[in-house]
Amino acid sequence: MLEGIKVIEVATYIAAPGAGGILADWGAEVIKVEPLAGCPMRYTMANVGADHLKGSPIFDLDNRGKKGVAINTATPEGVEAVKRLVKDADVFLTNVRPGGLERSGLDYASLSALNPRLVYASVTGYGLEGAERDRPGFDIAAFWARSGLGYLETVKGQEPTTLRTGIGDHTTSMATVGGILAALVERQRTGKGRLVESSLIRAGIYAAGSDMAVQLKFGKLGSTKSRHEAVAPLSNFFKTKSGEWFVIVPRQGSVDWTAICKVIGKPDLETDERFANPKLRRTNAADLVDILDAAFAEHDLDHWRRKLDAADIIWAPLMRPSDVVEDPQAIAAGAFVDVPDAEGGSYKAPAGPVRFPGADDGPKGPSPALGEHTLEVLRDLGYSEADLAKLKETKTIG
C-alpha cells in the first residue's frame, strides 16, 4: 500500500524503528541508518546473559524488510551521505535527541530546506520543547514513570511494577505511524512536508487518557485498589478450581449483576441487602469478592467458559504468552505472521497492529545484517568506488 514511499530512518532501540517497521510491512522502502557498531538492540540476548540464544527477535521485529546501511554520522562525510539520502525521500524518521541533530545539521530546519516535501518524524522521550527536551528517555522512564501511567497501575500500598520490554515504545510507534500518514495525506494536498513530533511522555499520558481526563476535570483521581477493595468488585480477576485466572468486565448498570448471580448459582445474592446497588457493592466489596472467589473456585475454566458465554458476559482468560501463540482466535485475527529469514526459510513473529484484508500487509523480508546494503545504497546515490574507498579510510563506513 505504501509502495513508492521512501523512508530514511536514523534511529536505534525500539520506538522509532518500530514505526519504520510498520511502514516497511505496508510496502514502504525503509533505509535504516545505523552507527558502525550497530543498534544496541541487535545484541539484546547477549546483553541479558543469554549468549547461547542466537540472533535478536526484538531487533528483528522492528527492522524486518528494511535495507540496512552503517554510516558514522559523527563525520562530515557521514552527514553528507544522509543528506543525499534525504534529497528524494518522503519521510525522515529519527529518535536522535534534538540537540545532536541540530549540531550535525540533520534537524528539521536543515533537512526541510534541502527537501521541502519531506515529512520529518521526530520521536523523543520528552518532546522537542522545554528544558528537558534532550533528556534521554526509555519507555519505562518517560512513558511509564514520568507520564503517571506507572503510578496508576500500582496497587495502593504495593511497590511499583516495572514495564515489559517495548510496550511504551510500540505504543509510541503506532502513534508515530499515524502522524506520518496524516502528514503524507496533507502533502498530497499542499505539496509540502511538515514536522511530525511524537514522544514517549505524550503517548503515555494519552494511553492513560481516561484517568487523566478525570484528573484534569475534577482535580482528583481514585487510586488503584486491591481485588478486595475494588470500586467495582464485579470488574475483577477470579481464580478457578484448575488454577487459571480470568477477568470479568461488567457493563454499566446492574444487568450483569443479575446475570453473574445466576451464573454462579446464587440468584438470591441479587437481593442481598449488602449488594442491592453499585454503591453498596462497593461498600461491601470485600464480602462480595470473597463470595465470588468461593463460587468460581468450585469449577474449572472450561465450566465457567460455557456459563459466562451463555450469559453473554464480557470476560477473558488471563493467558500466558506460551498459550497466546497457540490461541486459535489470535491466529484467526492475524496476530502472527511468517517472516522470511536470510537462509530462505521463515519464522513466526508478531504481526503489525493493523490488518488490511486482501492486501500485502506483512513482512517483506528479514531484518538486514549490520551494513548489509551500505555499498549498494551509496552506489545508487552516485558514490564511485574511489568515493567508497575514501569513506572507509575516514571511518565513515565500515
Protein backbone atom coordinates (compact mmCIF):
# COMPACT_ATOMS: atom_id res chain seq x y z
CA MET A 1 0.00 0.00 0.00
CA LEU A 2 2.92 2.33 0.64
CA GLU A 3 4.85 1.28 -2.45
CA GLY A 4 6.80 4.28 -3.74
CA ILE A 5 7.20 5.85 -0.29
CA LYS A 6 10.86 6.16 0.70
CA VAL A 7 11.75 6.39 4.38
CA ILE A 8 15.18 7.23 5.79
CA GLU A 9 15.42 6.02 9.37
CA VAL A 10 18.21 7.28 11.60
CA ALA A 11 17.27 5.58 14.82
CA THR A 12 18.17 2.94 17.39
CA TYR A 13 16.30 0.95 20.04
CA ILE A 14 12.54 0.48 19.56
CA ALA A 15 10.06 3.36 19.35
CA ALA A 16 11.20 4.96 16.08
CA PRO A 17 12.38 1.70 14.43
CA GLY A 18 9.02 0.18 15.37
CA ALA A 19 7.29 2.87 13.33
CA GLY A 20 9.67 2.22 10.45
CA GLY A 21 8.96 -1.49 10.74
CA ILE A 22 5.21 -0.98 10.35
CA LEU A 23 5.79 1.24 7.31
CA ALA A 24 8.07 -1.43 5.82
CA ASP A 25 5.42 -4.13 6.35
CA TRP A 26 3.00 -1.93 4.46
CA GLY A 27 5.31 -1.61 1.47
CA ALA A 28 7.44 1.48 2.06
CA GLU A 29 11.14 1.35 1.18
CA VAL A 30 12.81 1.90 4.54
CA ILE A 31 16.56 2.53 4.62
CA LYS A 32 17.85 2.11 8.15
CA VAL A 33 20.97 4.11 9.01
CA GLU A 34 22.85 2.62 11.98
CA PRO A 35 26.10 3.58 13.68
CA LEU A 36 29.08 1.42 12.71
CA ALA A 37 28.72 -0.56 15.96
CA GLY A 38 25.09 -1.28 15.15
CA CYS A 39 21.86 -0.67 17.02
CA PRO A 40 22.18 -1.91 20.63
CA MET A 41 19.02 -3.98 20.14
CA ARG A 42 20.98 -6.29 17.84
CA TYR A 43 22.75 -7.59 20.92
CA THR A 44 19.80 -7.94 23.31
CA MET A 45 20.28 -11.63 24.09
CA ALA A 46 23.98 -11.22 24.85
CA ASN A 47 23.30 -8.14 26.96
CA VAL A 48 20.98 -10.12 29.25
CA GLY A 49 23.42 -13.02 29.57
CA ALA A 50 21.70 -15.29 27.06
CA ASP A 51 24.65 -15.63 24.68
CA HIS A 52 23.56 -19.16 23.76
CA LEU A 53 20.49 -17.73 22.01
CA LYS A 54 21.49 -16.60 18.54
CA GLY A 55 20.01 -13.51 16.97
CA SER A 56 17.69 -10.91 18.45
CA PRO A 57 13.95 -11.37 17.88
CA ILE A 58 13.41 -7.95 19.47
CA PHE A 59 15.56 -6.27 16.82
CA ASP A 60 14.12 -8.41 14.03
CA LEU A 61 10.53 -7.47 14.88
CA ASP A 62 11.11 -3.75 14.34
CA ASN A 63 13.53 -3.96 11.43
CA ARG A 64 12.28 -6.69 9.10
CA GLY A 65 12.06 -5.74 5.47
CA LYS A 66 14.40 -2.75 5.73
CA LYS A 67 17.63 -2.01 3.91
CA GLY A 68 20.48 -1.60 6.35
CA VAL A 69 23.34 0.84 5.98
CA ALA A 70 26.02 1.61 8.55
CA ILE A 71 27.24 5.21 8.50
CA ASN A 72 29.17 7.19 11.07
CA THR A 73 27.14 10.40 11.27
CA ALA A 74 29.75 11.93 13.60
CA THR A 75 31.83 12.66 10.48
CA PRO A 76 31.01 15.42 7.95
CA GLU A 77 31.11 12.78 5.21
CA GLY A 78 28.55 10.69 7.07
CA VAL A 79 26.20 13.63 7.47
CA GLU A 80 26.60 14.40 3.77
CA ALA A 81 25.68 10.81 2.89
CA VAL A 82 22.50 11.03 4.97
CA LYS A 83 21.60 14.34 3.33
CA ARG A 84 21.99 12.74 -0.09
CA LEU A 85 19.60 10.02 1.02
CA VAL A 86 17.10 12.62 2.19
CA LYS A 87 17.06 14.64 -1.04
CA ASP A 88 14.48 12.41 -2.70
CA ALA A 89 12.98 10.79 0.39
CA ASP A 90 9.38 11.11 1.53
CA VAL A 91 9.98 10.57 5.24
CA PHE A 92 12.87 11.10 7.63
CA LEU A 93 12.39 9.17 10.87
CA THR A 94 14.67 9.64 13.85
CA ASN A 95 14.94 9.27 17.62
CA VAL A 96 18.25 11.14 17.93
CA ARG A 97 17.97 13.86 20.55
CA PRO A 98 17.19 17.35 19.19
CA GLY A 99 20.47 18.96 20.22
CA GLY A 100 22.52 16.30 18.47
CA LEU A 101 20.51 16.68 15.28
CA GLU A 102 20.97 20.44 15.32
CA ARG A 103 24.73 20.13 15.84
CA SER A 104 25.05 17.73 12.92
CA GLY A 105 22.76 19.64 10.58
CA LEU A 106 20.17 16.85 10.45
CA ASP A 107 17.44 18.82 12.23
CA TYR A 108 14.09 19.65 10.67
CA ALA A 109 15.04 23.15 9.53
CA SER A 110 18.12 21.89 7.70
CA LEU A 111 16.54 18.90 6.01
CA SER A 112 13.27 20.61 5.06
CA ALA A 113 15.32 23.32 3.35
CA LEU A 114 17.01 20.55 1.37
CA ASN A 115 13.71 18.76 0.60
CA PRO A 116 10.55 20.85 1.20
CA ARG A 117 8.32 17.80 0.57
CA LEU A 118 9.94 15.87 3.41
CA VAL A 119 7.82 14.57 6.26
CA TYR A 120 10.20 14.75 9.21
CA ALA A 121 9.18 12.46 12.10
CA SER A 122 10.88 13.04 15.44
CA VAL A 123 10.45 10.51 18.26
CA THR A 124 11.82 11.61 21.63
CA GLY A 125 11.39 10.85 25.29
CA TYR A 126 10.08 14.25 26.33
CA GLY A 127 9.27 16.29 23.23
CA LEU A 128 11.08 18.92 21.19
CA GLU A 129 10.49 21.87 23.50
CA GLY A 130 11.16 22.61 27.15
CA ALA A 131 14.16 22.41 29.41
CA GLU A 132 14.29 18.61 29.27
CA ARG A 133 13.98 18.08 25.54
CA ASP A 134 17.42 16.48 25.37
CA ARG A 135 16.88 14.20 28.35
CA PRO A 136 17.30 10.55 27.34
CA GLY A 137 14.09 8.63 27.89
CA PHE A 138 13.44 4.92 27.59
CA ASP A 139 9.82 3.87 27.81
CA ILE A 140 9.89 2.73 31.43
CA ALA A 141 11.14 6.21 32.36
CA ALA A 142 9.25 8.60 30.08
CA PHE A 143 6.18 6.57 29.04
CA TRP A 144 5.64 4.65 32.28
CA ALA A 145 7.04 6.51 35.26
CA ARG A 146 7.02 10.17 34.19
CA SER A 147 3.61 10.08 32.49
CA GLY A 148 1.75 8.93 35.61
CA LEU A 149 0.79 5.63 33.99
CA GLY A 150 3.07 3.56 36.21
CA TYR A 151 1.59 5.19 39.33
CA LEU A 152 -1.92 4.48 38.12
CA GLU A 153 -1.05 0.82 37.60
CA THR A 154 0.43 0.46 41.09
CA VAL A 155 -1.98 -1.09 43.58
CA LYS A 156 -2.39 1.17 46.60
CA GLY A 157 0.11 0.23 49.29
CA GLN A 158 2.13 -2.01 46.97
CA GLU A 159 5.51 -1.47 45.34
CA PRO A 160 5.58 -0.18 41.75
CA THR A 161 5.87 -2.76 38.99
CA THR A 162 8.15 -2.48 36.00
CA LEU A 163 7.15 -2.37 32.34
CA ARG A 164 7.82 -5.22 29.94
CA THR A 165 10.18 -4.59 27.04
CA GLY A 166 8.92 -2.19 24.41
CA ILE A 167 5.31 -1.75 25.49
CA GLY A 168 5.57 2.04 25.72
CA ASP A 169 7.86 2.12 22.70
CA HIS A 170 5.44 0.20 20.49
CA THR A 171 2.51 2.31 21.65
CA THR A 172 4.54 5.33 20.55
CA SER A 173 5.47 3.55 17.30
CA MET A 174 1.80 3.19 16.39
CA ALA A 175 1.12 6.83 17.19
CA THR A 176 4.11 7.90 15.10
CA VAL A 177 2.88 5.93 12.09
CA GLY A 178 -0.47 7.68 12.34
CA GLY A 179 1.22 11.07 12.40
CA ILE A 180 3.43 10.24 9.42
CA LEU A 181 0.49 9.05 7.32
CA ALA A 182 -1.56 12.14 8.21
CA ALA A 183 1.32 14.36 7.08
CA LEU A 184 1.65 12.39 3.83
CA VAL A 185 -2.06 12.89 3.15
CA GLU A 186 -1.68 16.61 3.82
CA ARG A 187 1.29 16.72 1.45
CA GLN A 188 -0.88 15.35 -1.33
CA ARG A 189 -2.99 18.47 -0.98
CA THR A 190 -0.33 21.10 -0.28
CA GLY A 191 2.82 19.70 -1.86
CA LYS A 192 4.72 20.44 1.35
CA GLY A 193 6.01 18.20 4.11
CA ARG A 194 5.93 19.00 7.79
CA LEU A 195 7.42 18.18 11.17
CA VAL A 196 5.71 15.29 12.96
CA GLU A 197 6.52 15.09 16.66
CA SER A 198 5.79 12.16 18.95
CA SER A 199 7.16 11.48 22.40
CA LEU A 200 7.07 8.71 24.95
CA ILE A 201 5.69 11.00 27.64
CA ARG A 202 2.85 12.28 25.48
CA ALA A 203 1.95 8.75 24.34
CA GLY A 204 1.97 7.58 27.97
CA ILE A 205 -0.33 10.41 29.06
CA TYR A 206 -2.69 9.63 26.20
CA ALA A 207 -2.62 5.90 26.98
CA ALA A 208 -3.82 6.88 30.48
CA GLY A 209 -6.12 9.46 28.91
CA SER A 210 -9.39 8.38 30.53
CA ASP A 211 -7.91 8.78 34.01
CA MET A 212 -6.04 11.93 33.02
CA ALA A 213 -9.27 13.46 31.73
CA VAL A 214 -10.85 12.90 35.15
CA GLN A 215 -7.75 14.36 36.85
CA LEU A 216 -7.86 17.45 34.66
CA LYS A 217 -11.62 17.95 35.01
CA PHE A 218 -12.06 17.32 38.73
CA GLY A 219 -8.57 17.73 40.14
CA LYS A 220 -8.57 14.34 41.83
CA LEU A 221 -8.45 10.67 40.98
CA GLY A 222 -9.04 7.40 42.80
CA SER A 223 -6.11 5.07 43.33
CA THR A 224 -5.85 1.52 42.01
CA LYS A 225 -7.23 -0.78 44.67
CA SER A 226 -6.59 -4.40 45.53
CA ARG A 227 -9.12 -7.01 44.43
CA HIS A 228 -10.96 -6.85 47.75
CA GLU A 229 -11.10 -3.05 47.72
CA ALA A 230 -12.24 -2.63 44.13
CA VAL A 231 -14.54 0.28 43.35
CA ALA A 232 -16.46 -2.12 41.09
CA PRO A 233 -15.90 -5.51 42.73
CA LEU A 234 -17.52 -7.37 39.83
CA SER A 235 -14.88 -5.94 37.49
CA ASN A 236 -12.17 -8.19 38.75
CA PHE A 237 -9.98 -11.23 38.31
CA PHE A 238 -11.12 -14.56 39.72
CA LYS A 239 -9.35 -17.90 40.12
CA THR A 240 -10.84 -21.22 39.06
CA LYS A 241 -10.55 -24.67 40.59
CA SER A 242 -7.96 -25.57 37.95
CA GLY A 243 -5.79 -22.61 38.92
CA GLU A 244 -6.42 -20.33 35.94
CA TRP A 245 -7.40 -16.72 36.38
CA PHE A 246 -9.96 -14.86 34.30
CA VAL A 247 -11.33 -11.34 34.28
CA ILE A 248 -14.94 -10.21 34.22
CA VAL A 249 -15.80 -6.79 32.76
CA PRO A 250 -19.42 -5.94 33.64
CA ARG A 251 -21.34 -3.40 31.65
CA GLN A 252 -22.68 -0.22 33.19
CA GLY A 253 -25.73 -0.58 35.42
CA SER A 254 -26.92 -3.80 37.04
CA VAL A 255 -27.72 -6.02 34.06
CA ASP A 256 -24.58 -8.12 34.52
CA TRP A 257 -25.04 -8.25 38.30
CA THR A 258 -28.23 -10.22 37.73
CA ALA A 259 -26.52 -12.47 35.19
CA ILE A 260 -23.48 -13.16 37.40
CA CYS A 261 -25.67 -14.14 40.33
CA LYS A 262 -27.41 -16.68 38.11
CA VAL A 263 -24.16 -17.94 36.57
CA ILE A 264 -22.65 -18.80 39.95
CA GLY A 265 -25.89 -20.43 41.08
CA LYS A 266 -26.74 -17.84 43.72
CA PRO A 267 -29.77 -15.92 42.40
CA ASP A 268 -30.69 -14.86 45.95
CA LEU A 269 -27.46 -12.85 46.11
CA GLU A 270 -29.06 -10.27 43.84
CA THR A 271 -31.46 -9.20 46.59
CA ASP A 272 -28.95 -9.40 49.44
CA GLU A 273 -29.22 -6.02 51.18
CA ARG A 274 -25.41 -5.73 51.28
CA PHE A 275 -25.24 -5.70 47.47
CA ALA A 276 -28.53 -4.12 46.41
CA ASN A 277 -26.92 -1.38 44.28
CA PRO A 278 -23.48 -0.41 42.94
CA LYS A 279 -22.74 1.86 45.92
CA LEU A 280 -23.48 -0.90 48.42
CA ARG A 281 -21.48 -3.40 46.38
CA ARG A 282 -18.56 -1.01 46.61
CA THR A 283 -19.01 -0.52 50.35
CA ASN A 284 -19.12 -4.26 50.91
CA ALA A 285 -16.60 -5.16 48.21
CA ALA A 286 -14.51 -7.45 50.40
CA ASP A 287 -17.50 -9.62 51.33
CA LEU A 288 -18.69 -9.80 47.73
CA VAL A 289 -15.27 -10.73 46.38
CA ASP A 290 -14.98 -13.49 48.98
CA ILE A 291 -18.34 -14.90 47.89
CA LEU A 292 -17.41 -14.77 44.22
CA ASP A 293 -13.98 -16.27 44.88
CA ALA A 294 -15.56 -19.23 46.67
CA ALA A 295 -18.05 -19.76 43.86
CA PHE A 296 -15.58 -19.57 41.00
CA ALA A 297 -13.16 -21.88 42.84
CA GLU A 298 -15.71 -24.70 42.63
CA HIS A 299 -15.20 -25.42 38.91
CA ASP A 300 -12.51 -25.32 36.24
CA LEU A 301 -12.13 -22.73 33.50
CA ASP A 302 -13.97 -24.73 30.84
CA HIS A 303 -17.04 -24.85 33.06
CA TRP A 304 -17.02 -21.09 33.55
CA ARG A 305 -16.26 -20.52 29.88
CA ARG A 306 -19.55 -22.18 28.95
CA LYS A 307 -21.51 -20.43 31.69
CA LEU A 308 -20.16 -16.94 31.07
CA ASP A 309 -20.54 -17.21 27.31
CA ALA A 310 -24.12 -18.47 27.63
CA ALA A 311 -24.93 -15.44 29.78
CA ASP A 312 -23.21 -13.07 27.27
CA ILE A 313 -20.93 -11.72 29.99
CA ILE A 314 -17.76 -9.97 28.88
CA TRP A 315 -14.77 -11.92 30.18
CA ALA A 316 -11.38 -13.25 29.12
CA PRO A 317 -8.87 -15.74 30.47
CA LEU A 318 -5.55 -14.47 31.79
CA MET A 319 -3.27 -16.20 29.31
CA ARG A 320 0.43 -16.96 29.33
CA PRO A 321 2.34 -15.83 26.22
CA SER A 322 3.14 -19.52 25.58
CA ASP A 323 -0.62 -20.11 25.30
CA VAL A 324 -1.34 -16.93 23.35
CA VAL A 325 0.86 -18.04 20.46
CA GLU A 326 -1.33 -21.15 20.14
CA ASP A 327 -4.65 -19.34 20.63
CA PRO A 328 -6.89 -20.11 17.61
CA GLN A 329 -8.61 -16.73 17.87
CA ALA A 330 -5.35 -14.78 17.98
CA ILE A 331 -4.22 -16.77 14.94
CA ALA A 332 -7.52 -16.10 13.14
CA ALA A 333 -7.14 -12.39 13.91
CA GLY A 334 -3.82 -12.42 12.06
CA ALA A 335 -1.76 -11.67 15.15
CA PHE A 336 1.22 -13.73 13.94
CA VAL A 337 2.98 -13.75 10.59
CA ASP A 338 5.68 -15.70 8.79
CA VAL A 339 8.82 -13.63 8.34
CA PRO A 340 11.40 -14.61 5.68
CA ASP A 341 14.84 -15.30 7.08
CA ALA A 342 18.24 -14.82 5.49
CA GLU A 343 18.59 -18.55 4.78
CA GLY A 344 15.47 -18.73 2.62
CA GLY A 345 13.21 -20.13 5.31
CA SER A 346 10.81 -18.34 7.62
CA TYR A 347 9.90 -17.96 11.26
CA LYS A 348 6.87 -16.80 13.24
CA ALA A 349 6.71 -13.30 14.70
CA PRO A 350 4.09 -10.81 15.88
CA ALA A 351 2.17 -9.11 13.10
CA GLY A 352 1.77 -5.36 12.84
CA PRO A 353 -1.13 -3.75 14.73
CA VAL A 354 -3.48 -3.33 11.76
CA ARG A 355 -4.76 -5.76 9.16
CA PHE A 356 -5.80 -4.88 5.61
CA PRO A 357 -7.72 -7.93 4.31
CA GLY A 358 -6.66 -8.79 0.78
CA ALA A 359 -3.59 -6.55 0.84
CA ASP A 360 0.07 -7.50 1.08
CA ASP A 361 0.43 -6.03 4.55
CA GLY A 362 3.03 -8.38 6.04
CA PRO A 363 6.81 -8.63 6.27
CA LYS A 364 8.69 -8.09 3.02
CA GLY A 365 11.95 -9.67 4.12
CA PRO A 366 14.26 -10.35 7.04
CA SER A 367 15.94 -7.68 9.11
CA PRO A 368 19.20 -6.58 7.50
CA ALA A 369 22.63 -7.59 8.70
CA LEU A 370 24.66 -4.66 10.00
CA GLY A 371 25.68 -2.58 6.97
CA GLU A 372 24.32 -5.20 4.57
CA HIS A 373 23.19 -2.65 1.98
CA THR A 374 25.66 0.16 2.63
CA LEU A 375 27.60 -0.14 -0.62
CA GLU A 376 24.51 -0.81 -2.72
CA VAL A 377 22.67 2.21 -1.37
CA LEU A 378 25.65 4.56 -1.66
CA ARG A 379 26.37 3.44 -5.22
CA ASP A 380 22.76 4.23 -6.08
CA LEU A 381 23.39 7.73 -4.72
CA GLY A 382 26.26 8.18 -7.19
CA TYR A 383 29.23 7.34 -5.00
CA SER A 384 32.12 5.95 -7.04
CA GLU A 385 34.40 3.13 -5.93
CA ALA A 386 37.04 5.75 -5.14
CA ASP A 387 34.49 7.63 -3.04
CA LEU A 388 33.62 4.48 -1.15
CA ALA A 389 37.26 3.73 -0.50
CA LYS A 390 37.71 7.22 0.92
CA LEU A 391 34.67 6.80 3.16
CA LYS A 392 36.24 3.63 4.54
CA GLU A 393 39.52 5.46 5.13
CA THR A 394 37.78 8.16 7.15
CA LYS A 395 35.83 5.50 9.09
CA THR A 396 32.56 6.89 7.78
CA ILE A 397 31.53 3.41 6.68
CA GLY A 398 32.78 0.03 7.83
